[in-house]
């Protein structure tokens, strides 16, 4: 059974446990006990989803902008940039930050796959959780800077 690794007895009785459904999950493994972390799996999955969502948003935004340019060129209208409100509302894509978001999502997944062994006891957190949180935080920061508002040439 797959859950047998979860129900393995950890020799140290002082390890606090948390109940999830019918399972009692140790919060951490005693030193020297090999384990894999449920929180690391969760952080990696959320980071991967975050990466996919923002790559899709960037692609859709680029496609939408190209369609607007085509419509503008076909109708032979010029874009009015005299209104600073319109200029501030327009956002541009920053490819360096998008690449950082993609890299952090991929690094998080590979780090999980390389560091965690599903044959060991499942715990809530382990030492690798710190690294996963750092990579996920870097991804969040990169996502924050992917789309940036254009800087107005006129100062109000």
Foldseek 3Di string as FASTA:
>chain_A
DLCVQQPDDQPDPPFQWDDDPPGTAGQEHPPPFAEAAPQLVVLLVVLLVVLVVLVVVLVVVVVVVVVVVVVCVVVVHDDDPVDVVVQQPDKDFDVVLNVLSVVLSVVSVVLRVVRHDSNHHYHHDDPCVVVSVVSSVSNVVSSVPRIDGDDDPDDD
